[in-house]
Amino acid sequence: MGLSETPEGPGSVSGAPNLPPGFADTFTSRYVDTGALRLHTVIGGDAPPLLLVHGWPETWYAWRIVMPALARESRSLPSTSAASGCPTSQTAAMTPARSLGISLR
């Protein structure tokens, strides 16, 4: 599993509207390649990781208000599940709950 290029445009930090002040200085969009799946995440902070899992049909953007505070104590990793359309794989055709479980295991 590894981090790859930085996504840009809608759905990414660089293309997201109404972010808290300084958000883009702390957080960056990244793809995480797991082998079978490519997930989008937004990473920020220098402490131990904290995985933030959104509901359906949301994305990482649902966490944007609390992420700056969390980044002071953890390395925030809000996921974007395959069911929400950002990642690319056959998992995206599954139900949201099953897709999320497979994506995060």
N, C-alpha and C. Protein backbone atom coordinates (compact mmCIF):
# COMPACT_ATOMS: atom_id res chain seq x y z
N MET A 1 0.86 -1.17 0.00
CA MET A 1 0.00 0.00 0.00
C MET A 1 0.90 1.23 0.00
N GLY A 2 0.56 2.21 -0.81
CA GLY A 2 1.37 3.40 -0.85
C GLY A 2 0.61 4.62 -1.30
N LEU A 3 1.17 5.78 -0.98
CA LEU A 3 0.58 7.04 -1.41
C LEU A 3 1.07 7.36 -2.81
N SER A 4 0.17 7.89 -3.64
CA SER A 4 0.57 8.28 -4.98
C SER A 4 0.21 9.74 -5.21
N GLU A 5 0.08 10.13 -6.45
CA GLU A 5 -0.04 11.54 -6.80
C GLU A 5 -1.14 12.29 -6.03
N THR A 6 -1.05 13.61 -6.10
CA THR A 6 -1.99 14.49 -5.43
C THR A 6 -3.16 14.80 -6.34
N PRO A 7 -4.39 14.42 -5.95
CA PRO A 7 -5.56 14.75 -6.76
C PRO A 7 -5.81 16.26 -6.77
N GLU A 8 -6.38 16.74 -7.84
CA GLU A 8 -6.72 18.16 -7.97
C GLU A 8 -8.15 18.27 -8.46
N GLY A 9 -8.74 19.43 -8.31
CA GLY A 9 -10.09 19.68 -8.83
C GLY A 9 -11.17 19.29 -7.83
N PRO A 10 -12.42 19.17 -8.31
CA PRO A 10 -13.54 18.86 -7.42
C PRO A 10 -13.28 17.60 -6.60
N GLY A 11 -13.60 17.64 -5.32
CA GLY A 11 -13.38 16.51 -4.43
C GLY A 11 -12.04 16.53 -3.73
N SER A 12 -11.13 17.40 -4.15
CA SER A 12 -9.81 17.48 -3.53
C SER A 12 -9.72 18.73 -2.66
N VAL A 13 -8.68 18.82 -1.85
CA VAL A 13 -8.48 20.01 -1.02
C VAL A 13 -8.36 21.25 -1.90
N SER A 14 -7.63 21.14 -3.01
CA SER A 14 -7.43 22.32 -3.86
C SER A 14 -8.71 22.78 -4.55
N GLY A 15 -9.70 21.89 -4.69
CA GLY A 15 -10.93 22.27 -5.36
C GLY A 15 -12.13 22.42 -4.44
N ALA A 16 -11.92 22.29 -3.13
CA ALA A 16 -13.04 22.34 -2.19
C ALA A 16 -13.36 23.76 -1.75
N PRO A 17 -14.64 24.13 -1.75
CA PRO A 17 -15.03 25.46 -1.29
C PRO A 17 -15.21 25.51 0.23
N ASN A 18 -15.20 26.70 0.78
CA ASN A 18 -15.56 26.94 2.19
C ASN A 18 -14.76 26.14 3.21
N LEU A 19 -13.47 26.04 3.00
CA LEU A 19 -12.62 25.36 3.98
C LEU A 19 -12.22 26.35 5.08
N PRO A 20 -11.98 25.86 6.30
CA PRO A 20 -11.53 26.74 7.37
C PRO A 20 -10.22 27.44 7.00
N PRO A 21 -9.97 28.62 7.55
CA PRO A 21 -8.71 29.34 7.27
C PRO A 21 -7.49 28.46 7.56
N GLY A 22 -6.53 28.45 6.65
CA GLY A 22 -5.30 27.69 6.82
C GLY A 22 -5.41 26.19 6.53
N PHE A 23 -6.58 25.74 6.15
CA PHE A 23 -6.81 24.31 5.93
C PHE A 23 -5.81 23.73 4.91
N ALA A 24 -5.67 24.40 3.78
CA ALA A 24 -4.79 23.90 2.72
C ALA A 24 -3.31 23.95 3.11
N ASP A 25 -2.97 24.70 4.17
CA ASP A 25 -1.59 24.72 4.65
C ASP A 25 -1.28 23.47 5.48
N THR A 26 -2.30 22.85 6.06
CA THR A 26 -2.14 21.69 6.92
C THR A 26 -2.47 20.38 6.20
N PHE A 27 -3.45 20.41 5.32
CA PHE A 27 -3.97 19.18 4.71
C PHE A 27 -3.71 19.14 3.21
N THR A 28 -3.54 17.92 2.71
CA THR A 28 -3.36 17.71 1.28
C THR A 28 -4.13 16.46 0.85
N SER A 29 -4.66 16.48 -0.35
CA SER A 29 -5.33 15.31 -0.92
C SER A 29 -4.28 14.34 -1.44
N ARG A 30 -4.53 13.06 -1.24
CA ARG A 30 -3.64 12.02 -1.74
C ARG A 30 -4.49 10.82 -2.16
N TYR A 31 -3.96 10.05 -3.10
CA TYR A 31 -4.53 8.75 -3.40
C TYR A 31 -3.73 7.72 -2.62
N VAL A 32 -4.40 6.70 -2.10
CA VAL A 32 -3.76 5.58 -1.44
C VAL A 32 -4.04 4.35 -2.30
N ASP A 33 -2.99 3.74 -2.82
CA ASP A 33 -3.13 2.54 -3.63
C ASP A 33 -2.94 1.32 -2.74
N THR A 34 -3.97 0.47 -2.67
CA THR A 34 -3.91 -0.73 -1.84
C THR A 34 -3.63 -1.98 -2.64
N GLY A 35 -3.43 -1.83 -3.93
CA GLY A 35 -3.24 -2.98 -4.81
C GLY A 35 -4.49 -3.19 -5.64
N ALA A 36 -5.58 -3.54 -4.99
CA ALA A 36 -6.84 -3.77 -5.69
C ALA A 36 -7.70 -2.51 -5.75
N LEU A 37 -7.36 -1.51 -4.98
CA LEU A 37 -8.23 -0.35 -4.83
C LEU A 37 -7.41 0.92 -4.70
N ARG A 38 -7.91 1.99 -5.26
CA ARG A 38 -7.27 3.30 -5.14
C ARG A 38 -8.26 4.22 -4.43
N LEU A 39 -7.90 4.66 -3.22
CA LEU A 39 -8.77 5.51 -2.40
C LEU A 39 -8.24 6.93 -2.35
N HIS A 40 -9.13 7.87 -2.22
CA HIS A 40 -8.76 9.27 -2.01
C HIS A 40 -8.84 9.54 -0.52
N THR A 41 -7.84 10.23 0.02
CA THR A 41 -7.86 10.65 1.41
C THR A 41 -7.26 12.05 1.50
N VAL A 42 -7.49 12.69 2.62
CA VAL A 42 -6.92 14.01 2.89
C VAL A 42 -6.10 13.84 4.16
N ILE A 43 -4.81 14.15 4.08
CA ILE A 43 -3.88 13.88 5.18
C ILE A 43 -3.38 15.19 5.77
N GLY A 44 -3.33 15.26 7.11
CA GLY A 44 -2.79 16.43 7.78
C GLY A 44 -2.48 16.13 9.23
N GLY A 45 -1.47 16.76 9.77
CA GLY A 45 -1.05 16.56 11.15
C GLY A 45 0.20 15.69 11.21
N ASP A 46 0.90 15.73 12.35
CA ASP A 46 2.16 15.00 12.49
C ASP A 46 2.15 13.98 13.61
N ALA A 47 1.02 13.73 14.23
CA ALA A 47 0.94 12.81 15.36
C ALA A 47 0.45 11.43 14.87
N PRO A 48 0.18 10.51 15.78
CA PRO A 48 -0.32 9.19 15.36
C PRO A 48 -1.58 9.30 14.51
N PRO A 49 -1.79 8.36 13.58
CA PRO A 49 -2.93 8.45 12.66
C PRO A 49 -4.28 8.25 13.34
N LEU A 50 -5.27 8.92 12.79
CA LEU A 50 -6.66 8.80 13.23
C LEU A 50 -7.50 8.66 11.96
N LEU A 51 -8.11 7.50 11.75
CA LEU A 51 -8.92 7.25 10.57
C LEU A 51 -10.33 7.79 10.81
N LEU A 52 -10.77 8.70 9.97
CA LEU A 52 -12.12 9.28 10.05
C LEU A 52 -12.96 8.64 8.95
N VAL A 53 -14.05 8.00 9.33
CA VAL A 53 -14.91 7.30 8.38
C VAL A 53 -16.23 8.05 8.27
N HIS A 54 -16.54 8.49 7.06
CA HIS A 54 -17.77 9.25 6.84
C HIS A 54 -18.94 8.32 6.58
N GLY A 55 -20.15 8.90 6.67
CA GLY A 55 -21.35 8.16 6.32
C GLY A 55 -21.62 8.23 4.83
N TRP A 56 -22.68 7.62 4.41
CA TRP A 56 -23.06 7.65 3.00
C TRP A 56 -24.22 8.60 2.83
N PRO A 57 -24.19 9.49 1.91
CA PRO A 57 -23.34 9.64 0.73
C PRO A 57 -22.30 10.73 0.87
N GLU A 58 -21.67 10.86 2.01
CA GLU A 58 -20.71 11.92 2.26
C GLU A 58 -19.31 11.55 1.79
N THR A 59 -18.38 12.51 1.93
CA THR A 59 -16.96 12.31 1.63
C THR A 59 -16.15 12.91 2.78
N TRP A 60 -14.84 13.03 2.62
CA TRP A 60 -13.96 13.63 3.62
C TRP A 60 -14.43 15.02 4.00
N TYR A 61 -15.09 15.71 3.08
CA TYR A 61 -15.51 17.10 3.27
C TYR A 61 -16.42 17.26 4.49
N ALA A 62 -17.12 16.21 4.88
CA ALA A 62 -17.98 16.24 6.07
C ALA A 62 -17.18 16.49 7.35
N TRP A 63 -15.89 16.16 7.34
CA TRP A 63 -15.02 16.32 8.51
C TRP A 63 -14.25 17.64 8.52
N ARG A 64 -14.39 18.47 7.50
CA ARG A 64 -13.52 19.64 7.30
C ARG A 64 -13.49 20.61 8.48
N ILE A 65 -14.59 20.78 9.21
CA ILE A 65 -14.65 21.74 10.31
C ILE A 65 -13.85 21.25 11.52
N VAL A 66 -13.90 19.94 11.82
CA VAL A 66 -13.20 19.41 12.99
C VAL A 66 -11.76 18.98 12.70
N MET A 67 -11.42 18.81 11.43
CA MET A 67 -10.08 18.32 11.08
C MET A 67 -8.93 19.19 11.60
N PRO A 68 -9.00 20.53 11.53
CA PRO A 68 -7.89 21.32 12.07
C PRO A 68 -7.63 21.06 13.56
N ALA A 69 -8.68 20.93 14.37
CA ALA A 69 -8.50 20.65 15.79
C ALA A 69 -7.93 19.24 15.99
N LEU A 70 -8.41 18.27 15.23
CA LEU A 70 -7.91 16.91 15.34
C LEU A 70 -6.44 16.81 14.92
N ALA A 71 -6.03 17.61 13.96
CA ALA A 71 -4.65 17.56 13.47
C ALA A 71 -3.63 18.01 14.51
N ARG A 72 -4.09 18.71 15.55
CA ARG A 72 -3.16 19.11 16.63
C ARG A 72 -2.77 17.92 17.50
N GLU A 73 -3.63 16.88 17.52
CA GLU A 73 -3.40 15.72 18.38
C GLU A 73 -3.19 14.43 17.60
N SER A 74 -3.44 14.44 16.29
CA SER A 74 -3.34 13.21 15.50
C SER A 74 -3.04 13.55 14.05
N ARG A 75 -2.76 12.54 13.28
CA ARG A 75 -2.61 12.69 11.83
C ARG A 75 -3.94 12.25 11.24
N SER A 76 -4.77 13.21 10.87
CA SER A 76 -6.11 12.91 10.40
C SER A 76 -6.08 12.28 9.02
N LEU A 77 -6.84 11.20 8.87
CA LEU A 77 -6.93 10.48 7.61
C LEU A 77 -8.40 10.22 7.27
N PRO A 78 -9.13 11.24 6.84
CA PRO A 78 -10.52 10.98 6.46
C PRO A 78 -10.55 10.21 5.15
N SER A 79 -11.32 9.15 5.12
CA SER A 79 -11.39 8.33 3.92
C SER A 79 -12.49 8.83 3.01
N THR A 80 -12.44 8.42 1.77
CA THR A 80 -13.55 8.58 0.84
C THR A 80 -13.82 7.19 0.32
N SER A 81 -14.97 6.63 0.67
CA SER A 81 -15.25 5.24 0.33
C SER A 81 -15.44 5.06 -1.16
N ALA A 82 -15.25 3.84 -1.59
CA ALA A 82 -15.43 3.51 -3.01
C ALA A 82 -16.85 3.80 -3.46
N ALA A 83 -17.82 3.68 -2.58
CA ALA A 83 -19.21 3.90 -2.95
C ALA A 83 -19.52 5.36 -3.26
N SER A 84 -18.66 6.27 -2.85
CA SER A 84 -18.94 7.69 -3.10
C SER A 84 -18.38 8.18 -4.42
N GLY A 85 -17.70 7.30 -5.16
CA GLY A 85 -17.34 7.63 -6.53
C GLY A 85 -15.92 8.10 -6.78
N CYS A 86 -15.12 8.44 -5.78
CA CYS A 86 -13.76 8.89 -6.04
C CYS A 86 -12.80 7.77 -6.43
N PRO A 87 -12.80 6.63 -5.72
CA PRO A 87 -11.84 5.60 -6.06
C PRO A 87 -12.22 4.87 -7.35
N THR A 88 -11.31 4.10 -7.87
CA THR A 88 -11.59 3.32 -9.06
C THR A 88 -11.34 1.85 -8.76
N SER A 89 -12.37 1.03 -8.87
CA SER A 89 -12.26 -0.41 -8.73
C SER A 89 -13.65 -1.01 -8.90
N GLN A 90 -13.71 -2.33 -9.01
CA GLN A 90 -15.01 -2.97 -9.09
C GLN A 90 -15.74 -2.90 -7.76
N THR A 91 -15.05 -2.61 -6.68
CA THR A 91 -15.68 -2.49 -5.36
C THR A 91 -16.73 -1.38 -5.37
N ALA A 92 -16.56 -0.37 -6.21
CA ALA A 92 -17.49 0.76 -6.25
C ALA A 92 -18.89 0.33 -6.64
N ALA A 93 -19.05 -0.82 -7.28
CA ALA A 93 -20.37 -1.28 -7.69
C ALA A 93 -21.11 -1.98 -6.55
N MET A 94 -20.45 -2.23 -5.44
CA MET A 94 -21.07 -2.91 -4.30
C MET A 94 -21.90 -1.94 -3.48
N THR A 95 -22.65 -2.48 -2.52
CA THR A 95 -23.40 -1.62 -1.62
C THR A 95 -22.43 -0.79 -0.80
N PRO A 96 -22.83 0.41 -0.34
CA PRO A 96 -21.91 1.27 0.41
C PRO A 96 -21.27 0.59 1.62
N ALA A 97 -22.05 -0.13 2.44
CA ALA A 97 -21.49 -0.74 3.64
C ALA A 97 -20.46 -1.82 3.30
N ARG A 98 -20.76 -2.67 2.35
CA ARG A 98 -19.82 -3.73 1.98
C ARG A 98 -18.57 -3.12 1.35
N SER A 99 -18.76 -2.14 0.48
CA SER A 99 -17.64 -1.48 -0.17
C SER A 99 -16.72 -0.83 0.87
N LEU A 100 -17.29 -0.15 1.86
CA LEU A 100 -16.50 0.52 2.89
C LEU A 100 -15.71 -0.50 3.70
N GLY A 101 -16.33 -1.60 4.08
CA GLY A 101 -15.65 -2.62 4.84
C GLY A 101 -14.46 -3.20 4.10
N ILE A 102 -14.64 -3.48 2.84
CA ILE A 102 -13.55 -4.04 2.02
C ILE A 102 -12.45 -2.99 1.85
N SER A 103 -12.83 -1.74 1.65
CA SER A 103 -11.86 -0.68 1.43
C SER A 103 -10.95 -0.42 2.62
N LEU A 104 -11.49 -0.50 3.82
CA LEU A 104 -10.76 -0.12 5.02
C LEU A 104 -10.07 -1.27 5.74
N ARG A 105 -10.30 -2.50 5.31
CA ARG A 105 -9.70 -3.62 6.04
C ARG A 105 -8.21 -3.69 5.90
